[in-house]
Protein backbone atom coordinates (compact mmCIF):
# COMPACT_ATOMS: atom_id res chain seq x y z
CA MET A 1 -23.14 -27.11 -5.55
CA ARG A 2 -22.50 -27.45 -1.83
CA TYR A 3 -20.06 -25.01 -0.28
CA PRO A 4 -17.65 -25.94 2.52
CA PHE A 5 -19.04 -23.18 4.75
CA PRO A 6 -22.54 -21.95 5.58
CA VAL A 7 -24.17 -19.58 3.06
CA GLY A 8 -27.28 -17.43 3.26
CA ARG A 9 -26.50 -16.40 6.83
CA SER A 10 -24.12 -14.33 8.92
CA ASP A 11 -20.97 -15.68 10.53
CA PHE A 12 -18.43 -14.23 12.96
CA ILE A 13 -15.11 -14.52 11.12
CA GLN A 14 -11.72 -12.90 10.56
CA GLY A 15 -10.90 -10.76 7.55
CA ASP A 16 -8.55 -13.33 6.03
CA GLU A 17 -11.22 -16.01 6.35
CA ALA A 18 -13.79 -13.69 4.76
CA ILE A 19 -11.51 -13.17 1.75
CA ALA A 20 -11.06 -16.91 1.28
CA ARG A 21 -14.81 -17.60 1.45
CA ALA A 22 -15.57 -14.76 -0.95
CA ALA A 23 -13.01 -16.08 -3.42
CA ILE A 24 -14.70 -19.49 -3.40
CA LEU A 25 -18.13 -17.90 -3.99
CA ALA A 26 -16.69 -15.76 -6.80
CA GLY A 27 -15.58 -18.92 -8.58
CA CYS A 28 -11.89 -19.02 -7.70
CA ARG A 29 -10.65 -22.54 -8.28
CA PHE A 30 -6.88 -22.04 -8.26
CA TYR A 31 -4.81 -20.60 -5.43
CA ALA A 32 -1.02 -20.42 -5.32
CA GLY A 33 0.89 -18.84 -2.49
CA TYR A 34 3.70 -18.82 0.01
CA PRO A 35 3.05 -18.43 3.75
CA ILE A 36 3.66 -14.94 5.13
CA THR A 37 2.32 -13.01 8.11
CA PRO A 38 -0.36 -11.59 8.22
CA ALA A 39 -1.78 -13.27 5.08
CA SER A 40 -1.15 -16.92 5.97
CA GLU A 41 -4.70 -17.51 7.19
CA ILE A 42 -5.96 -16.91 3.65
CA PHE A 43 -3.66 -19.67 2.45
CA GLU A 44 -4.78 -21.98 5.27
CA ALA A 45 -8.45 -21.46 4.42
CA MET A 46 -7.90 -21.96 0.69
CA ALA A 47 -5.93 -25.15 1.36
CA LEU A 48 -8.92 -26.40 3.35
CA TYR A 49 -11.67 -25.29 0.97
CA MET A 50 -10.23 -25.86 -2.49
CA PRO A 51 -10.25 -29.69 -2.49
CA LEU A 52 -13.89 -29.58 -1.37
CA VAL A 53 -14.95 -27.57 -4.45
CA ASP A 54 -12.75 -29.42 -6.97
CA GLY A 55 -10.20 -26.61 -6.90
CA VAL A 56 -6.44 -26.51 -6.50
CA SER A 57 -4.39 -24.91 -3.72
CA ILE A 58 -0.63 -25.16 -4.02
CA GLN A 59 2.31 -23.86 -2.01
CA MET A 60 4.98 -22.54 -4.36
CA GLU A 61 8.66 -22.08 -3.62
CA ASP A 62 8.28 -18.30 -3.35
CA GLU A 63 6.09 -15.36 -4.30
CA LEU A 64 7.60 -15.01 -7.77
CA ALA A 65 6.45 -18.53 -8.58
CA SER A 66 3.07 -17.95 -6.93
CA MET A 67 2.36 -15.02 -9.22
CA ALA A 68 3.54 -16.97 -12.26
CA ALA A 69 1.34 -19.92 -11.31
CA ILE A 70 -1.88 -17.94 -11.09
CA ILE A 71 -1.15 -16.32 -14.45
CA GLY A 72 -0.75 -19.74 -16.04
CA ALA A 73 -3.88 -21.05 -14.32
CA SER A 74 -5.90 -18.09 -15.54
CA TRP A 75 -4.95 -18.85 -19.14
CA THR A 76 -6.37 -22.36 -18.71
CA GLY A 77 -9.72 -20.75 -17.90
CA ALA A 78 -9.57 -20.80 -14.09
CA LYS A 79 -10.26 -17.88 -11.81
CA ALA A 80 -7.04 -17.56 -9.82
CA MET A 81 -5.78 -15.73 -6.73
CA THR A 82 -2.73 -15.31 -4.54
CA ALA A 83 -2.22 -13.50 -1.23
CA THR A 84 0.86 -12.04 0.39
CA SER A 85 2.24 -9.13 2.41
CA GLY A 86 4.79 -6.41 1.69
CA PRO A 87 8.00 -8.45 1.18
CA GLY A 88 6.20 -10.98 -0.99
CA PHE A 89 4.37 -8.25 -2.88
CA SER A 90 7.74 -6.77 -3.80
CA LEU A 91 8.77 -10.10 -5.30
CA MET A 92 5.56 -10.29 -7.30
CA GLN A 93 6.05 -7.01 -9.15
CA GLU A 94 7.83 -8.44 -12.21
CA ASN A 95 5.12 -11.00 -12.89
CA LEU A 96 2.42 -8.51 -11.97
CA GLY A 97 3.72 -6.45 -14.89
CA TYR A 98 3.57 -9.58 -17.05
CA ALA A 99 -0.08 -10.07 -16.05
CA ILE A 100 -0.82 -6.47 -17.01
CA MET A 101 0.96 -6.79 -20.36
CA THR A 102 -0.77 -10.08 -21.20
CA GLU A 103 -4.13 -8.84 -19.87
CA THR A 104 -4.49 -11.78 -17.52
CA PRO A 105 -7.36 -11.61 -15.00
CA VAL A 106 -5.99 -12.48 -11.55
CA VAL A 107 -6.60 -11.27 -8.00
CA VAL A 108 -3.68 -10.39 -5.72
CA VAL A 109 -4.37 -9.79 -2.02
CA ASP A 110 -1.76 -7.69 -0.21
CA VAL A 111 -2.26 -7.77 3.55
CA GLN A 112 -0.14 -4.77 4.47
CA ARG A 113 2.27 -4.73 7.39
CA GLY A 114 4.98 -2.34 8.58
CA GLY A 115 7.99 -2.02 6.30
CA PRO A 116 10.30 -1.67 4.51
CA SER A 117 12.09 -5.05 4.42
CA THR A 118 10.92 -7.47 7.11
CA GLY A 119 9.64 -4.51 9.11
CA GLN A 120 6.79 -5.24 11.53
CA PRO A 121 5.35 -8.61 10.47
CA THR A 122 2.48 -8.64 12.96
CA LEU A 123 1.41 -4.99 12.83
CA ALA A 124 -0.71 -3.06 10.36
CA ALA A 125 0.37 -0.36 7.92
CA GLN A 126 -0.73 1.32 4.70
CA GLY A 127 2.70 1.66 3.16
CA ASP A 128 2.01 -0.30 -0.03
CA ILE A 129 -0.39 2.13 -1.72
CA MET A 130 2.13 3.53 -4.18
CA GLN A 131 3.62 0.09 -4.76
CA ALA A 132 0.21 -1.34 -5.61
CA ILE A 133 -0.34 1.34 -8.24
CA TRP A 134 3.15 1.82 -9.68
CA GLY A 135 5.23 -1.08 -8.34
CA THR A 136 6.02 -2.62 -11.70
CA HIS A 137 7.93 -0.82 -14.44
CA GLY A 138 6.66 0.83 -17.59
CA ASP A 139 3.43 2.63 -18.45
CA HIS A 140 0.52 0.56 -17.19
CA SER A 141 -2.71 0.53 -15.23
CA LEU A 142 -4.58 -1.91 -13.01
CA ILE A 143 -7.29 -1.81 -10.34
CA VAL A 144 -6.66 -1.39 -6.60
CA LEU A 145 -9.43 -1.84 -4.00
CA SER A 146 -9.23 -1.10 -0.27
CA PRO A 147 -11.72 -2.43 2.33
CA SER A 148 -12.18 -0.98 5.82
CA THR A 149 -14.27 -3.73 7.44
CA VAL A 150 -14.40 -7.52 7.38
CA GLN A 151 -17.70 -7.35 5.47
CA GLU A 152 -16.05 -5.12 2.88
CA ALA A 153 -13.11 -7.52 2.69
CA PHE A 154 -15.64 -10.18 1.70
CA ASP A 155 -17.62 -7.97 -0.69
CA PHE A 156 -14.58 -6.39 -2.32
CA THR A 157 -13.01 -9.79 -2.96
CA ILE A 158 -16.00 -10.80 -5.06
CA ARG A 159 -15.87 -7.41 -6.77
CA ALA A 160 -12.14 -7.87 -7.42
CA PHE A 161 -12.82 -11.09 -9.31
CA ASN A 162 -15.70 -9.51 -11.24
CA LEU A 163 -13.57 -6.54 -12.31
CA ALA A 164 -10.61 -8.75 -13.20
CA GLU A 165 -12.81 -10.92 -15.41
CA LYS A 166 -14.76 -8.04 -16.95
CA TYR A 167 -11.72 -5.98 -17.92
CA ARG A 168 -9.05 -8.70 -18.29
CA THR A 169 -6.74 -7.11 -15.76
CA PRO A 170 -5.02 -7.87 -12.46
CA VAL A 171 -6.85 -6.50 -9.42
CA VAL A 172 -5.04 -5.81 -6.15
CA LEU A 173 -6.99 -6.00 -2.89
CA LEU A 174 -5.16 -3.94 -0.25
CA THR A 175 -6.02 -4.95 3.30
CA ASP A 176 -3.85 -4.85 6.43
CA ALA A 177 -3.00 -6.84 9.54
CA GLU A 178 -5.85 -5.28 11.55
CA ILE A 179 -8.60 -6.17 9.07
CA ALA A 180 -6.99 -9.55 8.45
CA HIS A 181 -7.18 -10.63 12.07
CA MET A 182 -10.18 -8.79 13.52
CA ARG A 183 -13.46 -10.68 13.78
CA GLU A 184 -16.76 -9.15 12.72
CA ARG A 185 -20.15 -10.40 11.70
CA VAL A 186 -20.19 -11.03 7.95
CA TYR A 187 -23.16 -11.94 5.79
CA ILE A 188 -22.27 -14.82 3.45
CA PRO A 189 -24.84 -14.70 0.62
CA GLN A 190 -26.36 -17.55 -1.29
CA PRO A 191 -24.69 -17.93 -4.70
CA GLY A 192 -27.75 -16.51 -6.48
CA GLU A 193 -27.79 -13.39 -4.30
CA VAL A 194 -24.56 -11.92 -5.65
CA GLU A 195 -23.56 -11.06 -9.21
CA ILE A 196 -20.73 -13.17 -10.59
CA ILE A 197 -19.05 -12.04 -13.82
CA ASP A 198 -17.07 -14.37 -16.07
CA ARG A 199 -14.62 -13.34 -18.77
CA LYS A 200 -15.61 -13.02 -22.41
CA LEU A 201 -14.60 -16.02 -24.50
CA PRO A 202 -14.05 -16.01 -28.28
CA ALA A 203 -17.32 -16.62 -30.12
CA SER A 204 -15.54 -18.35 -32.99
CA GLU A 205 -12.19 -19.78 -34.02
CA GLU A 206 -11.62 -16.60 -36.02
CA GLU A 207 -12.00 -14.47 -32.87
CA ALA A 208 -9.63 -16.80 -31.02
CA LYS A 209 -6.90 -15.89 -33.49
CA PHE A 210 -6.82 -12.36 -32.02
CA PRO A 211 -6.43 -12.73 -28.22
CA PHE A 212 -5.23 -9.11 -28.01
CA GLY A 213 -7.52 -7.57 -30.61
CA ASP A 214 -10.22 -5.03 -29.75
CA ILE A 215 -12.81 -7.12 -31.57
CA HIS A 216 -15.91 -5.65 -29.92
CA GLY A 217 -14.69 -2.05 -29.64
CA ASP A 218 -14.75 -1.96 -25.83
CA GLY A 219 -11.00 -2.34 -25.37
CA VAL A 220 -11.35 -5.80 -23.81
CA PRO A 221 -10.47 -8.69 -26.13
CA PRO A 222 -12.20 -12.06 -25.66
CA MET A 223 -9.79 -14.39 -23.85
CA PRO A 224 -9.18 -17.84 -25.33
CA ILE A 225 -8.39 -20.88 -23.18
CA PHE A 226 -5.11 -22.72 -23.53
CA GLY A 227 -5.67 -26.16 -25.02
CA LYS A 228 -9.00 -25.36 -26.63
CA GLY A 229 -9.38 -24.43 -30.28
CA TYR A 230 -6.87 -22.17 -31.98
CA ARG A 231 -3.34 -22.20 -30.56
CA THR A 232 -2.68 -19.03 -28.54
CA TYR A 233 0.62 -17.15 -28.33
CA VAL A 234 1.19 -15.14 -25.14
CA THR A 235 4.29 -13.06 -24.38
CA GLY A 236 5.36 -10.17 -22.19
CA LEU A 237 7.07 -8.64 -25.20
CA THR A 238 5.28 -5.91 -27.09
CA HIS A 239 2.90 -7.86 -29.32
CA ASP A 240 0.31 -7.44 -32.04
CA GLU A 241 -3.34 -8.51 -31.92
CA ARG A 242 -2.38 -12.13 -32.57
CA GLY A 243 0.12 -12.07 -29.70
CA ARG A 244 3.19 -12.15 -31.94
CA PRO A 245 6.23 -10.12 -30.76
CA LYS A 246 6.65 -6.68 -32.38
CA THR A 247 9.31 -5.18 -30.13
CA VAL A 248 10.64 -2.50 -32.47
CA ASP A 249 7.31 -1.30 -33.87
CA ALA A 250 6.44 2.00 -32.19
CA GLU A 251 2.92 2.06 -33.61
CA VAL A 252 2.09 -1.42 -32.31
CA HIS A 253 3.52 -0.60 -28.88
CA GLU A 254 1.56 2.63 -28.52
CA LYS A 255 -1.68 1.02 -29.69
CA LEU A 256 -1.28 -1.86 -27.22
CA ILE A 257 -0.30 0.15 -24.15
CA ARG A 258 -2.88 2.87 -24.71
CA ARG A 259 -5.62 0.25 -25.07
CA ILE A 260 -4.54 -1.51 -21.86
CA ILE A 261 -4.71 1.80 -19.98
CA ASP A 262 -7.79 3.19 -21.73
CA LYS A 263 -9.97 0.12 -21.12
CA LEU A 264 -9.87 1.11 -17.43
CA GLU A 265 -9.84 4.89 -17.87
CA HIS A 266 -12.90 4.75 -20.12
CA ASN A 267 -14.80 2.73 -17.50
CA ARG A 268 -13.94 4.78 -14.43
CA GLU A 269 -17.61 5.21 -13.47
CA ASP A 270 -18.01 1.45 -13.26
CA ILE A 271 -14.73 0.83 -11.43
CA ILE A 272 -14.42 3.72 -8.97
CA SER A 273 -16.30 3.32 -5.69
CA TYR A 274 -16.45 5.55 -2.62
CA ASP A 275 -18.65 6.38 0.37
CA ALA A 276 -19.45 9.93 1.45
CA PHE A 277 -20.45 10.92 5.00
CA GLU A 278 -21.74 14.39 5.97
CA LEU A 279 -20.14 16.09 2.97
CA ASP A 280 -23.15 18.08 1.74
CA ASP A 281 -22.50 21.08 4.01
CA ALA A 282 -18.93 20.28 5.05
CA ASP A 283 -16.41 23.04 5.64
CA VAL A 284 -13.54 20.59 6.15
CA ALA A 285 -13.19 17.15 4.59
CA ILE A 286 -11.36 14.03 5.69
CA ILE A 287 -10.26 11.66 2.93
CA SER A 288 -9.24 8.17 3.97
CA THR A 289 -9.06 4.57 2.84
CA GLY A 290 -8.90 1.19 4.52
CA ILE A 291 -8.64 0.65 8.26
CA VAL A 292 -8.15 4.36 9.10
CA SER A 293 -11.64 5.09 7.79
CA ARG A 294 -13.11 3.46 10.87
CA SER A 295 -11.54 6.12 13.09
CA ALA A 296 -12.33 8.82 10.55
CA VAL A 297 -16.07 8.07 10.70
CA ARG A 298 -16.06 8.49 14.47
CA ALA A 299 -13.91 11.61 14.20
CA VAL A 300 -16.49 13.23 11.92
CA LYS A 301 -19.25 12.48 14.43
CA ILE A 302 -17.23 14.01 17.28
CA LEU A 303 -16.40 17.08 15.21
CA ARG A 304 -20.08 17.54 14.31
CA GLU A 305 -20.94 17.38 18.02
CA ARG A 306 -18.44 20.22 18.49
CA SER A 307 -20.14 22.28 15.75
CA VAL A 308 -17.36 21.67 13.23
CA LYS A 309 -18.85 20.98 9.82
CA ALA A 310 -16.70 17.99 8.94
CA GLY A 311 -17.31 15.29 6.36
CA LEU A 312 -15.63 12.13 5.18
CA LEU A 313 -14.82 10.74 1.75
CA LYS A 314 -13.93 7.05 2.11
CA LEU A 315 -12.14 5.73 -0.95
CA ASN A 316 -12.97 2.10 -1.74
CA THR A 317 -11.11 2.24 -5.05
CA ILE A 318 -7.60 3.65 -4.86
CA TRP A 319 -6.83 3.18 -8.54
CA PRO A 320 -8.05 4.39 -10.94
CA PHE A 321 -8.06 7.56 -8.86
CA ASP A 322 -10.83 10.12 -9.30
CA PHE A 323 -8.82 13.34 -9.49
CA ASP A 324 -11.83 15.28 -10.82
CA MET A 325 -13.97 14.33 -7.82
CA ILE A 326 -11.23 15.47 -5.44
CA GLU A 327 -10.94 18.82 -7.22
CA GLU A 328 -14.71 19.30 -7.08
CA LEU A 329 -14.65 18.57 -3.35
CA ALA A 330 -11.71 20.94 -2.85
CA GLU A 331 -13.73 23.74 -4.42
CA ARG A 332 -16.42 23.31 -1.74
CA VAL A 333 -14.35 22.96 1.43
CA ARG A 334 -11.79 25.07 3.23
CA LYS A 335 -9.36 22.28 4.04
CA ILE A 336 -8.80 18.57 3.43
CA TYR A 337 -7.17 16.20 5.94
CA VAL A 338 -5.67 12.86 4.90
CA PRO A 339 -5.05 10.42 7.78
CA GLU A 340 -3.08 7.35 6.72
CA MET A 341 -0.76 4.77 8.23
CA ASN A 342 2.31 5.86 6.30
CA LEU A 343 4.29 9.04 5.78
CA GLY A 344 2.16 10.30 2.90
CA GLN A 345 1.11 8.20 -0.09
CA LEU A 346 -2.62 8.73 -0.58
CA TYR A 347 -1.86 12.32 0.45
CA HIS A 348 0.09 12.97 -2.75
CA LEU A 349 -2.80 11.75 -4.92
CA VAL A 350 -5.27 13.90 -2.99
CA LYS A 351 -3.01 16.96 -3.19
CA GLU A 352 -2.66 16.54 -6.94
CA GLY A 353 -6.42 16.16 -7.27
CA ALA A 354 -7.15 19.22 -5.12
CA ASN A 355 -5.15 21.26 -7.62
CA GLY A 356 -4.59 24.10 -5.17
CA LYS A 357 -8.33 24.67 -4.61
CA ALA A 358 -8.03 23.77 -0.91
CA GLU A 359 -5.24 23.22 1.58
CA VAL A 360 -4.39 19.54 2.03
CA GLU A 361 -2.84 18.37 5.32
CA LEU A 362 -1.38 14.95 6.02
CA ILE A 363 -2.09 13.18 9.31
CA ALA A 364 0.60 10.51 9.20
CA LYS A 365 1.07 7.69 11.66
CA ILE A 366 3.46 4.75 11.50
CA GLY A 367 4.61 2.10 13.95
CA GLY A 368 1.68 -0.29 13.66
CA GLU A 369 -1.01 1.57 15.60
CA VAL A 370 -4.17 2.82 13.92
CA HIS A 371 -5.15 6.47 14.38
CA THR A 372 -7.58 7.05 17.21
CA PRO A 373 -10.60 9.23 16.42
CA MET A 374 -9.31 11.87 18.85
CA GLU A 375 -5.95 12.08 17.10
CA ILE A 376 -7.80 13.10 13.96
CA VAL A 377 -10.13 15.44 15.84
CA GLU A 378 -7.27 17.24 17.57
CA ARG A 379 -5.51 17.90 14.27
CA VAL A 380 -8.68 19.32 12.74
CA VAL A 381 -9.55 21.64 15.64
CA GLY A 382 -5.90 22.64 16.08
């Protein structure tokens, strides 16, 4: 098919535009959203591109409806996405929980800005990390990815769709106002150059009768399509393998929730992604994610020039979180620094992972300005 933008070459584009193009290449054909700074450019691009690839882009009345719409679209067989920022992400939490409970593959882009409430609409922040992981109620799990460049925003969007489809789960892509609006050179691959994963479908009508059954033993049930074959029952209530409500059955509830969580926990090696810089001989480690990682890379180079054996662990996957890897790193270094654009969210995960094996220090910054490399350097050298 012909795409509404050039492929097989590099282009100089914003982060929001990169996300929209990646979604199209990943096979997204349904977008529902509500305009909000700094995510509106994603909506604008999807509204432009979707009609050109026989897709649908629709403005809903609010973010609650946007989340509900992509869930419904996914059950008709479409790859679906929405994008928002902090206030809208708060409104999406109820239906995000519904997507988790019904194992609906969708992608939710949260372009973070300063909060709480209306906060700083045009400035960047990293204050939604905990919300992305634990924002909805009840025991649950999902996948959270965090890019630090415009190229990663593109690449991680495709990966978000692949993971959502492979594991039948919502995937949250956490970006921020800086990545959303900065322009960088991005390589847009030909369709055949990048792996695209589609969800498992029932192989027979008999399989379609069990849309929540672990038929193949991998924890991920084949997902039927509404309107095709056997009639499917989907509910946010605790349900059995057929989808029928079983709200007072403790055994059914435990089996369902543990499978939803375990299908991700048992595939951590496939899901978790990170980049390590200069960690082999490091005496101190910096652990970061997202936009702050850009300053952290430079900080490590400056520290090395000053004979400080510093290294960086850049987390591309925030959840599931690799606590074991953090503990192993803590056993090898004297101290860990966590720079982030909030008052300490990733820090708590790192501190738990370090398990007392190394001191963990937060380098917090709020107000909409990204850490400078020297701000990190000065904290490390004291």
